[in-house]
N, C-alpha and C. Protein backbone atom coordinates (compact mmCIF):
# COMPACT_ATOMS: atom_id res chain seq x y z
N MET A 1 -114.38 41.39 64.32
CA MET A 1 -113.10 41.93 63.95
C MET A 1 -112.89 41.73 62.46
N LYS A 2 -112.43 42.76 61.80
CA LYS A 2 -112.21 42.70 60.36
C LYS A 2 -110.96 41.88 60.05
N ARG A 3 -111.09 40.98 59.10
CA ARG A 3 -109.94 40.16 58.70
C ARG A 3 -108.97 41.00 57.90
N GLN A 4 -107.73 40.87 58.21
CA GLN A 4 -106.69 41.61 57.52
C GLN A 4 -106.29 40.85 56.26
N THR A 5 -106.19 41.59 55.15
CA THR A 5 -105.73 40.95 53.93
C THR A 5 -104.26 41.25 53.76
N ARG A 6 -103.52 40.28 53.32
CA ARG A 6 -102.08 40.44 53.16
C ARG A 6 -101.61 39.57 52.00
N ASP A 7 -100.46 39.92 51.49
CA ASP A 7 -99.82 39.12 50.45
C ASP A 7 -98.78 38.24 51.11
N LEU A 8 -98.85 36.96 50.84
CA LEU A 8 -97.88 36.01 51.39
C LEU A 8 -97.15 35.33 50.24
N LEU A 9 -95.86 35.22 50.38
CA LEU A 9 -95.04 34.46 49.43
C LEU A 9 -94.73 33.14 50.09
N LEU A 10 -95.18 32.07 49.49
CA LEU A 10 -95.04 30.74 50.07
C LEU A 10 -94.04 29.95 49.23
N LEU A 11 -92.91 29.60 49.83
CA LEU A 11 -91.89 28.80 49.17
C LEU A 11 -91.94 27.39 49.74
N ARG A 12 -92.09 26.43 48.86
CA ARG A 12 -92.20 25.03 49.29
C ARG A 12 -91.17 24.19 48.57
N LYS A 13 -90.69 23.15 49.25
CA LYS A 13 -89.71 22.25 48.66
C LYS A 13 -90.36 21.10 47.90
N ASP A 14 -91.55 20.71 48.32
CA ASP A 14 -92.16 19.56 47.66
C ASP A 14 -92.67 19.92 46.27
N GLU A 15 -92.71 18.94 45.41
CA GLU A 15 -93.09 19.17 44.02
C GLU A 15 -94.58 19.07 43.78
N VAL A 16 -95.32 18.61 44.77
CA VAL A 16 -96.76 18.45 44.62
C VAL A 16 -97.40 19.84 44.65
N ARG A 17 -98.20 20.11 43.66
CA ARG A 17 -98.86 21.42 43.58
C ARG A 17 -100.35 21.26 43.84
N ASP A 18 -100.68 20.70 44.97
CA ASP A 18 -102.06 20.50 45.36
C ASP A 18 -102.62 21.83 45.87
N LYS A 19 -103.62 22.35 45.19
CA LYS A 19 -104.18 23.66 45.52
C LYS A 19 -104.82 23.68 46.91
N ILE A 20 -105.41 22.58 47.31
CA ILE A 20 -106.08 22.51 48.62
C ILE A 20 -105.05 22.61 49.75
N SER A 21 -103.93 21.90 49.62
CA SER A 21 -102.91 21.96 50.68
C SER A 21 -102.26 23.34 50.75
N ILE A 22 -102.10 23.99 49.60
CA ILE A 22 -101.53 25.34 49.59
C ILE A 22 -102.49 26.32 50.27
N GLU A 23 -103.78 26.23 49.96
CA GLU A 23 -104.77 27.11 50.59
C GLU A 23 -104.85 26.87 52.10
N MET A 24 -104.74 25.62 52.50
CA MET A 24 -104.78 25.30 53.93
C MET A 24 -103.55 25.86 54.65
N GLU A 25 -102.39 25.76 54.02
CA GLU A 25 -101.17 26.28 54.62
C GLU A 25 -101.22 27.80 54.73
N ILE A 26 -101.77 28.47 53.74
CA ILE A 26 -101.91 29.93 53.78
C ILE A 26 -102.89 30.33 54.88
N ALA A 27 -103.98 29.58 55.04
CA ALA A 27 -104.94 29.88 56.10
C ALA A 27 -104.31 29.73 57.48
N VAL A 28 -103.50 28.70 57.66
CA VAL A 28 -102.81 28.49 58.94
C VAL A 28 -101.81 29.62 59.20
N LEU A 29 -101.07 30.02 58.18
CA LEU A 29 -100.12 31.13 58.33
C LEU A 29 -100.83 32.44 58.67
N ASN A 30 -101.96 32.70 58.02
CA ASN A 30 -102.73 33.91 58.33
C ASN A 30 -103.21 33.90 59.78
N ASN A 31 -103.70 32.75 60.24
CA ASN A 31 -104.17 32.63 61.61
C ASN A 31 -103.01 32.84 62.59
N LEU A 32 -101.86 32.26 62.30
CA LEU A 32 -100.69 32.41 63.16
C LEU A 32 -100.25 33.88 63.23
N LEU A 33 -100.21 34.56 62.10
CA LEU A 33 -99.78 35.96 62.07
C LEU A 33 -100.78 36.87 62.78
N GLN A 34 -102.07 36.57 62.68
CA GLN A 34 -103.06 37.38 63.39
C GLN A 34 -102.92 37.24 64.91
N ASN A 35 -102.54 36.05 65.37
CA ASN A 35 -102.35 35.87 66.80
C ASN A 35 -101.08 36.53 67.31
N VAL A 36 -100.06 36.61 66.47
CA VAL A 36 -98.77 37.15 66.89
C VAL A 36 -98.72 38.67 66.76
N GLU A 37 -99.40 39.23 65.78
CA GLU A 37 -99.33 40.66 65.52
C GLU A 37 -100.37 41.43 66.32
N THR A 38 -100.32 41.31 67.62
CA THR A 38 -101.22 42.05 68.50
C THR A 38 -100.42 43.07 69.29
N THR A 39 -101.11 44.03 69.86
CA THR A 39 -100.44 45.05 70.65
C THR A 39 -99.78 44.45 71.89
N THR A 40 -100.41 43.47 72.48
CA THR A 40 -99.84 42.83 73.66
C THR A 40 -98.52 42.14 73.34
N ALA A 41 -98.48 41.42 72.23
CA ALA A 41 -97.25 40.75 71.83
C ALA A 41 -96.16 41.76 71.48
N LEU A 42 -96.55 42.87 70.88
CA LEU A 42 -95.59 43.91 70.53
C LEU A 42 -95.01 44.56 71.79
N CYS A 43 -95.85 44.77 72.79
CA CYS A 43 -95.38 45.38 74.03
C CYS A 43 -94.46 44.44 74.81
N VAL A 44 -94.64 43.16 74.65
CA VAL A 44 -93.74 42.20 75.31
C VAL A 44 -92.39 42.20 74.62
N ALA A 45 -92.36 42.40 73.30
CA ALA A 45 -91.13 42.31 72.53
C ALA A 45 -90.30 43.60 72.56
N TYR A 46 -90.89 44.72 72.95
CA TYR A 46 -90.18 46.00 72.94
C TYR A 46 -90.07 46.59 74.34
N GLU A 47 -89.11 47.47 74.50
CA GLU A 47 -88.97 48.25 75.73
C GLU A 47 -88.71 49.70 75.35
N LEU A 48 -89.08 50.60 76.23
CA LEU A 48 -88.91 52.03 76.00
C LEU A 48 -87.73 52.53 76.80
N ILE A 49 -86.76 53.10 76.11
CA ILE A 49 -85.59 53.68 76.78
C ILE A 49 -85.77 55.19 76.77
N ASP A 50 -85.83 55.77 77.95
CA ASP A 50 -86.01 57.22 78.11
C ASP A 50 -84.71 57.81 78.62
N LEU A 51 -83.99 58.49 77.74
CA LEU A 51 -82.72 59.10 78.13
C LEU A 51 -82.91 60.43 78.85
N ASN A 52 -84.12 60.98 78.83
CA ASN A 52 -84.40 62.20 79.59
C ASN A 52 -84.42 61.91 81.09
N ARG A 53 -84.97 60.74 81.46
CA ARG A 53 -85.04 60.35 82.87
C ARG A 53 -84.06 59.25 83.23
N PHE A 54 -83.30 58.76 82.24
CA PHE A 54 -82.35 57.66 82.43
C PHE A 54 -83.03 56.43 83.00
N LYS A 55 -84.15 56.04 82.33
CA LYS A 55 -84.92 54.87 82.77
C LYS A 55 -85.23 53.98 81.57
N ILE A 56 -85.45 52.72 81.87
CA ILE A 56 -85.90 51.76 80.88
C ILE A 56 -87.25 51.23 81.36
N PHE A 57 -88.26 51.36 80.50
CA PHE A 57 -89.61 50.93 80.84
C PHE A 57 -89.93 49.63 80.11
N HIS A 58 -90.38 48.65 80.87
CA HIS A 58 -90.75 47.35 80.31
C HIS A 58 -92.26 47.15 80.36
N ASP A 59 -92.98 48.01 81.07
CA ASP A 59 -94.40 47.76 81.30
C ASP A 59 -95.23 48.02 80.04
N HIS A 60 -96.36 47.37 80.01
CA HIS A 60 -97.25 47.40 78.85
C HIS A 60 -97.78 48.81 78.58
N LEU A 61 -98.12 49.55 79.62
CA LEU A 61 -98.73 50.87 79.46
C LEU A 61 -97.75 51.87 78.83
N SER A 62 -96.53 51.91 79.30
CA SER A 62 -95.54 52.86 78.76
C SER A 62 -95.21 52.56 77.30
N VAL A 63 -95.05 51.29 76.99
CA VAL A 63 -94.71 50.91 75.62
C VAL A 63 -95.88 51.16 74.68
N SER A 64 -97.10 50.85 75.11
CA SER A 64 -98.26 51.06 74.25
C SER A 64 -98.52 52.55 74.02
N LYS A 65 -98.24 53.39 75.01
CA LYS A 65 -98.37 54.84 74.81
C LYS A 65 -97.33 55.34 73.81
N ALA A 66 -96.15 54.77 73.84
CA ALA A 66 -95.08 55.20 72.92
C ALA A 66 -95.34 54.74 71.49
N LEU A 67 -96.17 53.72 71.32
CA LEU A 67 -96.47 53.23 69.97
C LEU A 67 -97.45 54.12 69.22
N LYS A 68 -98.14 54.98 69.93
CA LYS A 68 -99.10 55.89 69.27
C LYS A 68 -98.34 56.92 68.44
N PRO A 69 -98.97 57.39 67.36
CA PRO A 69 -98.29 58.39 66.51
C PRO A 69 -97.97 59.67 67.27
N ASN A 70 -96.80 60.21 67.06
CA ASN A 70 -96.31 61.46 67.67
C ASN A 70 -96.28 61.41 69.20
N ALA A 71 -96.15 60.23 69.78
CA ALA A 71 -96.14 60.11 71.23
C ALA A 71 -94.73 60.07 71.80
N ILE A 72 -93.76 59.70 71.00
CA ILE A 72 -92.39 59.60 71.49
C ILE A 72 -91.76 60.98 71.49
N LYS A 73 -91.24 61.34 72.64
CA LYS A 73 -90.56 62.62 72.80
C LYS A 73 -89.11 62.47 72.37
N PRO A 74 -88.40 63.59 72.23
CA PRO A 74 -86.97 63.47 71.88
C PRO A 74 -86.21 62.66 72.93
N PHE A 75 -85.27 61.86 72.47
CA PHE A 75 -84.42 61.01 73.29
C PHE A 75 -85.18 59.91 74.01
N GLN A 76 -86.28 59.47 73.41
CA GLN A 76 -86.98 58.26 73.83
C GLN A 76 -86.90 57.29 72.67
N PHE A 77 -86.58 56.04 72.95
CA PHE A 77 -86.37 55.06 71.90
C PHE A 77 -87.10 53.77 72.22
N LEU A 78 -87.74 53.20 71.21
CA LEU A 78 -88.32 51.87 71.32
C LEU A 78 -87.27 50.89 70.79
N VAL A 79 -86.90 49.94 71.63
CA VAL A 79 -85.85 48.99 71.30
C VAL A 79 -86.41 47.58 71.42
N ASN A 80 -86.12 46.76 70.42
CA ASN A 80 -86.52 45.36 70.44
C ASN A 80 -85.65 44.61 71.45
N ARG A 81 -86.25 43.77 72.25
CA ARG A 81 -85.52 43.04 73.29
C ARG A 81 -84.70 41.89 72.73
N ASN A 82 -84.93 41.50 71.52
CA ASN A 82 -84.18 40.37 70.97
C ASN A 82 -82.79 40.79 70.76
């Protein structure tokens, strides 16, 4: 799997500017974000509201199909469960 590159802004309260601890903290944050930013986690956090059929879909298959480009029909909405 290809590693994703990203820009992270790290704000710290401590005054110690140890480069090794900063690099280690960035590596841990990258690992945490890679585990959280998966399709499975996204499907758990969202639900599909279909006003054409007056239904709310919570299942993984319906939400993952709606996440594809140009897959959402009119009056279908992806809503965050939070």
